[in-house]
Amino acid sequence: MKITKAILSKKMAMLAGIPDYVAKKQVNQVFELLRECVLENEKVMISGLGTFELQTGNVVFLPSKKLKMAERSVENAVERSK
């Protein structure tokens, strides 16, 4: 399933008990801040998710060890279910 900013906003609104338009604005602000920081050649590290950084003009995402382990766990579960 593809998760869009709109889906993230709706989930955030439900979990936080805030209006959809407030959650949408907050999600957009987080992504805009992330983009600005990376384009200023700063590393943005989000614990449990990974690091965003600029490498030779391209934004690169480096997943955290925790995320890689979770991905492997899901892949193994899928393999076992076949």
PDB file of N, CA and C in Angstrom:
ATOM      1  N   MET A   1       0.835  -1.182   0.000  1.00  0.00           N
ATOM      2  CA  MET A   1       0.000   0.000   0.000  1.00  0.00           C
ATOM      3  C   MET A   1       0.878   1.243   0.000  1.00  0.00           C
ATOM      4  N   LYS A   2       0.521   2.193  -0.821  1.00  0.00           N
ATOM      5  CA  LYS A   2       1.250   3.456  -0.881  1.00  0.00           C
ATOM      6  C   LYS A   2       0.663   4.403   0.158  1.00  0.00           C
ATOM      7  N   ILE A   3       1.528   5.016   0.948  1.00  0.00           N
ATOM      8  CA  ILE A   3       1.085   5.985   1.950  1.00  0.00           C
ATOM      9  C   ILE A   3       1.422   7.380   1.433  1.00  0.00           C
ATOM     10  N   THR A   4       0.407   8.197   1.265  1.00  0.00           N
ATOM     11  CA  THR A   4       0.590   9.563   0.791  1.00  0.00           C
ATOM     12  C   THR A   4       0.550  10.532   1.969  1.00  0.00           C
ATOM     13  N   LYS A   5       0.906  11.791   1.691  1.00  0.00           N
ATOM     14  CA  LYS A   5       0.812  12.805   2.739  1.00  0.00           C
ATOM     15  C   LYS A   5      -0.635  12.963   3.196  1.00  0.00           C
ATOM     16  N   ALA A   6      -1.572  12.820   2.279  1.00  0.00           N
ATOM     17  CA  ALA A   6      -2.988  12.940   2.646  1.00  0.00           C
ATOM     18  C   ALA A   6      -3.386  11.840   3.631  1.00  0.00           C
ATOM     19  N   ILE A   7      -2.918  10.624   3.398  1.00  0.00           N
ATOM     20  CA  ILE A   7      -3.217   9.507   4.307  1.00  0.00           C
ATOM     21  C   ILE A   7      -2.548   9.742   5.654  1.00  0.00           C
ATOM     22  N   LEU A   8      -1.282  10.188   5.634  1.00  0.00           N
ATOM     23  CA  LEU A   8      -0.583  10.500   6.884  1.00  0.00           C
ATOM     24  C   LEU A   8      -1.340  11.567   7.670  1.00  0.00           C
ATOM     25  N   SER A   9      -1.810  12.588   6.966  1.00  0.00           N
ATOM     26  CA  SER A   9      -2.540  13.674   7.622  1.00  0.00           C
ATOM     27  C   SER A   9      -3.813  13.160   8.278  1.00  0.00           C
ATOM     28  N   LYS A  10      -4.561  12.321   7.572  1.00  0.00           N
ATOM     29  CA  LYS A  10      -5.809  11.793   8.125  1.00  0.00           C
ATOM     30  C   LYS A  10      -5.547  10.918   9.346  1.00  0.00           C
ATOM     31  N   LYS A  11      -4.510  10.077   9.261  1.00  0.00           N
ATOM     32  CA  LYS A  11      -4.164   9.224  10.402  1.00  0.00           C
ATOM     33  C   LYS A  11      -3.734  10.071  11.596  1.00  0.00           C
ATOM     34  N   MET A  12      -2.938  11.109  11.311  1.00  0.00           N
ATOM     35  CA  MET A  12      -2.477  11.980  12.380  1.00  0.00           C
ATOM     36  C   MET A  12      -3.659  12.698  13.032  1.00  0.00           C
ATOM     37  N   ALA A  13      -4.591  13.171  12.226  1.00  0.00           N
ATOM     38  CA  ALA A  13      -5.778  13.856  12.751  1.00  0.00           C
ATOM     39  C   ALA A  13      -6.561  12.928  13.674  1.00  0.00           C
ATOM     40  N   MET A  14      -6.739  11.681  13.249  1.00  0.00           N
ATOM     41  CA  MET A  14      -7.473  10.712  14.058  1.00  0.00           C
ATOM     42  C   MET A  14      -6.751  10.423  15.374  1.00  0.00           C
ATOM     43  N   LEU A  15      -5.449  10.152  15.281  1.00  0.00           N
ATOM     44  CA  LEU A  15      -4.671   9.803  16.469  1.00  0.00           C
ATOM     45  C   LEU A  15      -4.561  10.960  17.455  1.00  0.00           C
ATOM     46  N   ALA A  16      -4.394  12.174  16.936  1.00  0.00           N
ATOM     47  CA  ALA A  16      -4.198  13.334  17.804  1.00  0.00           C
ATOM     48  C   ALA A  16      -5.514  14.002  18.195  1.00  0.00           C
ATOM     49  N   GLY A  17      -6.588  13.598  17.517  1.00  0.00           N
ATOM     50  CA  GLY A  17      -7.876  14.212  17.814  1.00  0.00           C
ATOM     51  C   GLY A  17      -7.937  15.676  17.408  1.00  0.00           C
ATOM     52  N   ILE A  18      -7.333  15.971  16.248  1.00  0.00           N
ATOM     53  CA  ILE A  18      -7.324  17.347  15.736  1.00  0.00           C
ATOM     54  C   ILE A  18      -8.023  17.379  14.381  1.00  0.00           C
ATOM     55  N   PRO A  19      -8.450  18.559  13.939  1.00  0.00           N
ATOM     56  CA  PRO A  19      -9.101  18.654  12.628  1.00  0.00           C
ATOM     57  C   PRO A  19      -8.158  18.262  11.494  1.00  0.00           C
ATOM     58  N   ASP A  20      -8.740  17.724  10.418  1.00  0.00           N
ATOM     59  CA  ASP A  20      -7.943  17.303   9.261  1.00  0.00           C
ATOM     60  C   ASP A  20      -7.066  18.430   8.726  1.00  0.00           C
ATOM     61  N   TYR A  21      -7.626  19.644   8.629  1.00  0.00           N
ATOM     62  CA  TYR A  21      -6.863  20.749   8.033  1.00  0.00           C
ATOM     63  C   TYR A  21      -5.641  21.115   8.884  1.00  0.00           C
ATOM     64  N   VAL A  22      -5.736  20.948  10.196  1.00  0.00           N
ATOM     65  CA  VAL A  22      -4.599  21.235  11.085  1.00  0.00           C
ATOM     66  C   VAL A  22      -3.518  20.171  10.881  1.00  0.00           C
ATOM     67  N   ALA A  23      -3.927  18.920  10.841  1.00  0.00           N
ATOM     68  CA  ALA A  23      -2.972  17.826  10.629  1.00  0.00           C
ATOM     69  C   ALA A  23      -2.288  17.969   9.277  1.00  0.00           C
ATOM     70  N   LYS A  24      -3.051  18.319   8.238  1.00  0.00           N
ATOM     71  CA  LYS A  24      -2.474  18.488   6.894  1.00  0.00           C
ATOM     72  C   LYS A  24      -1.415  19.581   6.905  1.00  0.00           C
ATOM     73  N   LYS A  25      -1.731  20.690   7.572  1.00  0.00           N
ATOM     74  CA  LYS A  25      -0.776  21.799   7.642  1.00  0.00           C
ATOM     75  C   LYS A  25       0.492  21.374   8.376  1.00  0.00           C
ATOM     76  N   GLN A  26       0.343  20.648   9.466  1.00  0.00           N
ATOM     77  CA  GLN A  26       1.503  20.207  10.242  1.00  0.00           C
ATOM     78  C   GLN A  26       2.367  19.220   9.454  1.00  0.00           C
ATOM     79  N   VAL A  27       1.747  18.271   8.770  1.00  0.00           N
ATOM     80  CA  VAL A  27       2.497  17.303   7.964  1.00  0.00           C
ATOM     81  C   VAL A  27       3.261  18.036   6.861  1.00  0.00           C
ATOM     82  N   ASN A  28       2.595  18.970   6.194  1.00  0.00           N
ATOM     83  CA  ASN A  28       3.268  19.731   5.136  1.00  0.00           C
ATOM     84  C   ASN A  28       4.432  20.543   5.687  1.00  0.00           C
ATOM     85  N   GLN A  29       4.273  21.108   6.882  1.00  0.00           N
ATOM     86  CA  GLN A  29       5.357  21.880   7.495  1.00  0.00           C
ATOM     87  C   GLN A  29       6.561  21.001   7.816  1.00  0.00           C
ATOM     88  N   VAL A  30       6.308  19.796   8.302  1.00  0.00           N
ATOM     89  CA  VAL A  30       7.406  18.876   8.621  1.00  0.00           C
ATOM     90  C   VAL A  30       8.184  18.532   7.349  1.00  0.00           C
ATOM     91  N   PHE A  31       7.477  18.203   6.266  1.00  0.00           N
ATOM     92  CA  PHE A  31       8.166  17.847   5.030  1.00  0.00           C
ATOM     93  C   PHE A  31       8.888  19.043   4.416  1.00  0.00           C
ATOM     94  N   GLU A  32       8.322  20.232   4.529  1.00  0.00           N
ATOM     95  CA  GLU A  32       8.979  21.429   4.017  1.00  0.00           C
ATOM     96  C   GLU A  32      10.256  21.712   4.805  1.00  0.00           C
ATOM     97  N   LEU A  33      10.195  21.591   6.116  1.00  0.00           N
ATOM     98  CA  LEU A  33      11.379  21.788   6.951  1.00  0.00           C
ATOM     99  C   LEU A  33      12.454  20.751   6.627  1.00  0.00           C
ATOM    100  N   LEU A  34      12.055  19.513   6.450  1.00  0.00           N
ATOM    101  CA  LEU A  34      12.976  18.445   6.071  1.00  0.00           C
ATOM    102  C   LEU A  34      13.671  18.791   4.759  1.00  0.00           C
ATOM    103  N   ARG A  35      12.890  19.216   3.772  1.00  0.00           N
ATOM    104  CA  ARG A  35      13.437  19.572   2.454  1.00  0.00           C
ATOM    105  C   ARG A  35      14.423  20.732   2.576  1.00  0.00           C
ATOM    106  N   GLU A  36      14.031  21.775   3.292  1.00  0.00           N
ATOM    107  CA  GLU A  36      14.907  22.944   3.448  1.00  0.00           C
ATOM    108  C   GLU A  36      16.229  22.578   4.103  1.00  0.00           C
ATOM    109  N   CYS A  37      16.169  21.791   5.153  1.00  0.00           N
ATOM    110  CA  CYS A  37      17.399  21.397   5.861  1.00  0.00           C
ATOM    111  C   CYS A  37      18.321  20.581   4.968  1.00  0.00           C
ATOM    112  N   VAL A  38      17.760  19.635   4.244  1.00  0.00           N
ATOM    113  CA  VAL A  38      18.585  18.792   3.370  1.00  0.00           C
ATOM    114  C   VAL A  38      19.212  19.642   2.266  1.00  0.00           C
ATOM    115  N   LEU A  39      18.442  20.567   1.692  1.00  0.00           N
ATOM    116  CA  LEU A  39      18.977  21.406   0.622  1.00  0.00           C
ATOM    117  C   LEU A  39      20.024  22.395   1.123  1.00  0.00           C
ATOM    118  N   GLU A  40      20.044  22.650   2.435  1.00  0.00           N
ATOM    119  CA  GLU A  40      21.090  23.479   3.028  1.00  0.00           C
ATOM    120  C   GLU A  40      22.303  22.634   3.404  1.00  0.00           C
ATOM    121  N   ASN A  41      22.328  21.414   2.871  1.00  0.00           N
ATOM    122  CA  ASN A  41      23.431  20.469   3.060  1.00  0.00           C
ATOM    123  C   ASN A  41      23.559  20.006   4.505  1.00  0.00           C
ATOM    124  N   GLU A  42      22.429  19.905   5.201  1.00  0.00           N
ATOM    125  CA  GLU A  42      22.421  19.374   6.553  1.00  0.00           C
ATOM    126  C   GLU A  42      21.925  17.936   6.509  1.00  0.00           C
ATOM    127  N   LYS A  43      22.463  17.098   7.372  1.00  0.00           N
ATOM    128  CA  LYS A  43      21.936  15.741   7.528  1.00  0.00           C
ATOM    129  C   LYS A  43      20.737  15.830   8.453  1.00  0.00           C
ATOM    130  N   VAL A  44      19.653  15.185   8.066  1.00  0.00           N
ATOM    131  CA  VAL A  44      18.471  15.138   8.913  1.00  0.00           C
ATOM    132  C   VAL A  44      18.318  13.695   9.378  1.00  0.00           C
ATOM    133  N   MET A  45      18.506  13.481  10.687  1.00  0.00           N
ATOM    134  CA  MET A  45      18.418  12.128  11.247  1.00  0.00           C
ATOM    135  C   MET A  45      17.132  11.998  12.049  1.00  0.00           C
ATOM    136  N   ILE A  46      16.332  11.001  11.704  1.00  0.00           N
ATOM    137  CA  ILE A  46      15.091  10.726  12.416  1.00  0.00           C
ATOM    138  C   ILE A  46      15.231   9.344  13.035  1.00  0.00           C
ATOM    139  N   SER A  47      15.289   9.325  14.348  1.00  0.00           N
ATOM    140  CA  SER A  47      15.502   8.078  15.079  1.00  0.00           C
ATOM    141  C   SER A  47      14.474   7.021  14.698  1.00  0.00           C
ATOM    142  N   GLY A  48      14.964   5.828  14.395  1.00  0.00           N
ATOM    143  CA  GLY A  48      14.084   4.724  14.033  1.00  0.00           C
ATOM    144  C   GLY A  48      13.690   4.704  12.568  1.00  0.00           C
ATOM    145  N   LEU A  49      13.938   5.807  11.854  1.00  0.00           N
ATOM    146  CA  LEU A  49      13.596   5.878  10.439  1.00  0.00           C
ATOM    147  C   LEU A  49      14.854   5.896   9.576  1.00  0.00           C
ATOM    148  N   GLY A  50      15.689   6.915   9.778  1.00  0.00           N
ATOM    149  CA  GLY A  50      16.914   6.981   9.001  1.00  0.00           C
ATOM    150  C   GLY A  50      17.399   8.401   8.832  1.00  0.00           C
ATOM    151  N   THR A  51      18.288   8.584   7.844  1.00  0.00           N
ATOM    152  CA  THR A  51      18.928   9.863   7.594  1.00  0.00           C
ATOM    153  C   THR A  51      18.670  10.311   6.166  1.00  0.00           C
ATOM    154  N   PHE A  52      18.355  11.589   6.028  1.00  0.00           N
ATOM    155  CA  PHE A  52      18.231  12.216   4.716  1.00  0.00           C
ATOM    156  C   PHE A  52      19.429  13.136   4.566  1.00  0.00           C
ATOM    157  N   GLU A  53      20.103  13.059   3.410  1.00  0.00           N
ATOM    158  CA  GLU A  53      21.244  13.935   3.183  1.00  0.00           C
ATOM    159  C   GLU A  53      21.415  14.201   1.703  1.00  0.00           C
ATOM    160  N   LEU A  54      22.199  15.232   1.407  1.00  0.00           N
ATOM    161  CA  LEU A  54      22.475  15.619   0.034  1.00  0.00           C
ATOM    162  C   LEU A  54      23.812  15.011  -0.372  1.00  0.00           C
ATOM    163  N   GLN A  55      23.801  14.220  -1.442  1.00  0.00           N
ATOM    164  CA  GLN A  55      25.036  13.618  -1.961  1.00  0.00           C
ATOM    165  C   GLN A  55      25.104  13.908  -3.449  1.00  0.00           C
ATOM    166  N   THR A  56      26.149  14.600  -3.860  1.00  0.00           N
ATOM    167  CA  THR A  56      26.360  14.998  -5.253  1.00  0.00           C
ATOM    168  C   THR A  56      25.087  15.548  -5.896  1.00  0.00           C
ATOM    169  N   GLY A  57      24.433  16.461  -5.163  1.00  0.00           N
ATOM    170  CA  GLY A  57      23.253  17.127  -5.703  1.00  0.00           C
ATOM    171  C   GLY A  57      21.955  16.364  -5.612  1.00  0.00           C
ATOM    172  N   ASN A  58      21.985  15.158  -5.082  1.00  0.00           N
ATOM    173  CA  ASN A  58      20.774  14.346  -4.960  1.00  0.00           C
ATOM    174  C   ASN A  58      20.443  14.091  -3.499  1.00  0.00           C
ATOM    175  N   VAL A  59      19.151  14.118  -3.187  1.00  0.00           N
ATOM    176  CA  VAL A  59      18.718  13.790  -1.833  1.00  0.00           C
ATOM    177  C   VAL A  59      18.719  12.270  -1.706  1.00  0.00           C
ATOM    178  N   VAL A  60      19.389  11.783  -0.672  1.00  0.00           N
ATOM    179  CA  VAL A  60      19.532  10.345  -0.454  1.00  0.00           C
ATOM    180  C   VAL A  60      18.936   9.998   0.908  1.00  0.00           C
ATOM    181  N   PHE A  61      18.205   8.894   0.967  1.00  0.00           N
ATOM    182  CA  PHE A  61      17.667   8.396   2.229  1.00  0.00           C
ATOM    183  C   PHE A  61      18.437   7.148   2.622  1.00  0.00           C
ATOM    184  N   LEU A  62      18.978   7.147   3.829  1.00  0.00           N
ATOM    185  CA  LEU A  62      19.709   6.000   4.357  1.00  0.00           C
ATOM    186  C   LEU A  62      18.903   5.449   5.528  1.00  0.00           C
ATOM    187  N   PRO A  63      18.275   4.290   5.369  1.00  0.00           N
ATOM    188  CA  PRO A  63      17.431   3.755   6.437  1.00  0.00           C
ATOM    189  C   PRO A  63      18.233   3.394   7.687  1.00  0.00           C
ATOM    190  N   SER A  64      17.589   3.515   8.833  1.00  0.00           N
ATOM    191  CA  SER A  64      18.231   3.151  10.094  1.00  0.00           C
ATOM    192  C   SER A  64      18.348   1.633  10.191  1.00  0.00           C
ATOM    193  N   LYS A  65      19.194   1.170  11.100  1.00  0.00           N
ATOM    194  CA  LYS A  65      19.332  -0.277  11.322  1.00  0.00           C
ATOM    195  C   LYS A  65      17.995  -0.875  11.753  1.00  0.00           C
ATOM    196  N   LYS A  66      17.270  -0.139  12.594  1.00  0.00           N
ATOM    197  CA  LYS A  66      15.979  -0.616  13.094  1.00  0.00           C
ATOM    198  C   LYS A  66      14.991  -0.810  11.939  1.00  0.00           C
ATOM    199  N   LEU A  67      14.984   0.120  10.995  1.00  0.00           N
ATOM    200  CA  LEU A  67      14.091   0.019   9.845  1.00  0.00           C
ATOM    201  C   LEU A  67      14.504  -1.134   8.934  1.00  0.00           C
ATOM    202  N   LYS A  68      15.792  -1.292   8.724  1.00  0.00           N
ATOM    203  CA  LYS A  68      16.280  -2.410   7.899  1.00  0.00           C
ATOM    204  C   LYS A  68      15.893  -3.748   8.515  1.00  0.00           C
ATOM    205  N   MET A  69      16.031  -3.853   9.845  1.00  0.00           N
ATOM    206  CA  MET A  69      15.677  -5.101  10.520  1.00  0.00           C
ATOM    207  C   MET A  69      14.176  -5.367  10.401  1.00  0.00           C
ATOM    208  N   ALA A  70      13.353  -4.340  10.514  1.00  0.00           N
ATOM    209  CA  ALA A  70      11.909  -4.500  10.386  1.00  0.00           C
ATOM    210  C   ALA A  70      11.549  -4.937   8.974  1.00  0.00           C
ATOM    211  N   GLU A  71      12.232  -4.380   7.979  1.00  0.00           N
ATOM    212  CA  GLU A  71      11.983  -4.741   6.589  1.00  0.00           C
ATOM    213  C   GLU A  71      12.343  -6.209   6.345  1.00  0.00           C
ATOM    214  N   ARG A  72      13.480  -6.637   6.879  1.00  0.00           N
ATOM    215  CA  ARG A  72      13.883  -8.046   6.729  1.00  0.00           C
ATOM    216  C   ARG A  72      12.881  -8.973   7.405  1.00  0.00           C
ATOM    217  N   SER A  73      12.381  -8.567   8.545  1.00  0.00           N
ATOM    218  CA  SER A  73      11.402  -9.368   9.270  1.00  0.00           C
ATOM    219  C   SER A  73      10.137  -9.549   8.448  1.00  0.00           C
ATOM    220  N   VAL A  74       9.677  -8.489   7.798  1.00  0.00           N
ATOM    221  CA  VAL A  74       8.486  -8.562   6.943  1.00  0.00           C
ATOM    222  C   VAL A  74       8.767  -9.445   5.730  1.00  0.00           C
ATOM    223  N   GLU A  75       9.935  -9.279   5.128  1.00  0.00           N
ATOM    224  CA  GLU A  75      10.295 -10.097   3.962  1.00  0.00           C
ATOM    225  C   GLU A  75      10.336 -11.569   4.323  1.00  0.00           C
ATOM    226  N   ASN A  76      10.903 -11.891   5.492  1.00  0.00           N
ATOM    227  CA  ASN A  76      10.961 -13.297   5.930  1.00  0.00           C
ATOM    228  C   ASN A  76       9.564 -13.858   6.176  1.00  0.00           C
ATOM    229  N   ALA A  77       8.683 -13.050   6.748  1.00  0.00           N
ATOM    230  CA  ALA A  77       7.315 -13.509   7.005  1.00  0.00           C
ATOM    231  C   ALA A  77       6.590 -13.795   5.703  1.00  0.00           C
ATOM    232  N   VAL A  78       6.824 -12.950   4.695  1.00  0.00           N
ATOM    233  CA  VAL A  78       6.211 -13.153   3.387  1.00  0.00           C
ATOM    234  C   VAL A  78       6.742 -14.431   2.748  1.00  0.00           C
ATOM    235  N   GLU A  79       8.038 -14.656   2.843  1.00  0.00           N
ATOM    236  CA  GLU A  79       8.638 -15.878   2.281  1.00  0.00           C
ATOM    237  C   GLU A  79       8.076 -17.124   2.945  1.00  0.00           C
ATOM    238  N   ARG A  80       7.922 -17.091   4.264  1.00  0.00           N
ATOM    239  CA  ARG A  80       7.404 -18.245   4.996  1.00  0.00           C
ATOM    240  C   ARG A  80       5.953 -18.548   4.630  1.00  0.00           C
ATOM    241  N   SER A  81       5.199 -17.500   4.267  1.00  0.00           N
ATOM    242  CA  SER A  81       3.787 -17.705   3.967  1.00  0.00           C
ATOM    243  C   SER A  81       3.557 -18.258   2.564  1.00  0.00           C
ATOM    244  N   LYS A  82       4.574 -18.313   1.751  1.00  0.00           N
ATOM    245  CA  LYS A  82       4.418 -18.818   0.369  1.00  0.00           C
ATOM    246  C   LYS A  82       4.368 -20.326   0.325  1.00  0.00           C
TER     247      LYS A  82
END
